[in-house]
């Protein structure tokens, strides 16, 4: 189960870092760049936030589904 959580957490960490970096880039570029570029960076940040939310909930559903499958099939007894 720990392996599954670590596999699920890596894309979430990557997307979080990308979201924060685009937020910082937008904040830095706002006084310097054109408004269209700033708006584009804000839209990219919003897209990464949506992708992060989807990835998070899919990971949660994967963990719940695997736990239910192990509980129903009693496959945990085979590993003892």
Protein backbone atom coordinates (compact mmCIF):
# COMPACT_ATOMS: atom_id res chain seq x y z
CA UNK A 1 0.00 0.00 0.00
CA UNK A 2 2.91 2.30 0.76
CA UNK A 3 4.28 1.72 -2.74
CA UNK A 4 0.95 2.64 -4.26
CA UNK A 5 0.77 5.87 -2.26
CA UNK A 6 4.31 6.79 -3.29
CA UNK A 7 3.48 6.11 -6.93
CA UNK A 8 0.38 8.29 -6.68
CA UNK A 9 2.09 11.12 -4.80
CA UNK A 10 4.88 11.75 -7.33
CA UNK A 11 2.70 13.28 -10.10
CA UNK A 12 0.89 15.35 -7.48
CA UNK A 13 4.20 16.78 -6.24
CA UNK A 14 5.35 17.50 -9.80
CA UNK A 15 2.12 19.28 -10.69
CA UNK A 16 2.24 21.26 -7.44
CA UNK A 17 5.77 22.43 -8.22
CA UNK A 18 4.76 23.40 -11.77
CA UNK A 19 1.71 25.28 -10.49
CA UNK A 20 3.78 27.22 -7.96
CA UNK A 21 6.48 27.99 -10.52
CA UNK A 22 3.93 29.32 -13.02
CA UNK A 23 2.33 31.39 -10.26
CA UNK A 24 5.72 32.89 -9.42
CA UNK A 25 6.46 33.48 -13.10
CA UNK A 26 3.15 35.28 -13.47
CA UNK A 27 3.85 37.44 -10.44
CA UNK A 28 7.30 38.35 -11.72
CA UNK A 29 6.15 38.98 -15.32
CA UNK A 30 3.12 41.09 -14.40
CA UNK A 31 4.90 44.45 -14.04
CA UNK A 32 7.22 43.81 -16.98
CA UNK A 33 5.29 41.91 -19.64
CA UNK A 34 2.27 42.61 -21.78
CA UNK A 35 -1.16 41.92 -20.31
CA UNK A 36 -1.82 39.19 -22.86
CA UNK A 37 1.24 37.24 -21.75
CA UNK A 38 0.25 37.60 -18.11
CA UNK A 39 -3.27 36.41 -18.93
CA UNK A 40 -1.80 33.42 -20.78
CA UNK A 41 0.34 32.50 -17.79
CA UNK A 42 -2.69 32.78 -15.50
CA UNK A 43 -4.65 30.45 -17.78
CA UNK A 44 -1.78 27.95 -17.80
CA UNK A 45 -1.71 28.10 -14.00
CA UNK A 46 -5.46 27.47 -13.90
CA UNK A 47 -5.05 24.50 -16.21
CA UNK A 48 -2.35 23.04 -13.98
CA UNK A 49 -4.62 23.52 -10.95
CA UNK A 50 -7.42 21.60 -12.68
CA UNK A 51 -5.00 18.86 -13.71
CA UNK A 52 -3.71 18.70 -10.15
CA UNK A 53 -7.24 18.32 -8.78
CA UNK A 54 -8.09 15.58 -11.27
CA UNK A 55 -4.85 13.71 -10.53
CA UNK A 56 -5.45 13.98 -6.79
CA UNK A 57 -8.98 12.61 -6.94
CA UNK A 58 -8.06 9.84 -9.37
CA UNK A 59 -5.27 8.80 -6.99
CA UNK A 60 -7.69 8.76 -4.08
CA UNK A 61 -10.18 6.68 -6.08
CA UNK A 62 -7.41 4.26 -7.09
CA UNK A 63 -6.38 3.74 -3.48
CA UNK A 64 -9.99 3.28 -2.37
CA UNK A 65 -10.71 0.88 -5.23
CA UNK A 66 -7.64 -1.19 -4.49
CA UNK A 67 -8.46 -1.31 -0.78
CA UNK A 68 -12.02 -2.41 -1.52
CA UNK A 69 -10.81 -5.06 -3.96
CA UNK A 70 -8.38 -6.45 -1.41
CA UNK A 71 -11.05 -6.43 1.28
CA UNK A 72 -13.70 -8.11 -0.88
CA UNK A 73 -11.46 -10.75 -2.42
CA UNK A 74 -9.63 -11.39 0.83
CA UNK A 75 -6.40 -11.34 -1.18
CA UNK A 76 -4.54 -10.04 1.82
CA UNK A 77 -4.63 -13.52 3.32
CA UNK A 78 -2.58 -14.86 0.41
CA UNK A 79 0.34 -12.60 1.27
CA UNK A 80 0.67 -13.78 4.87
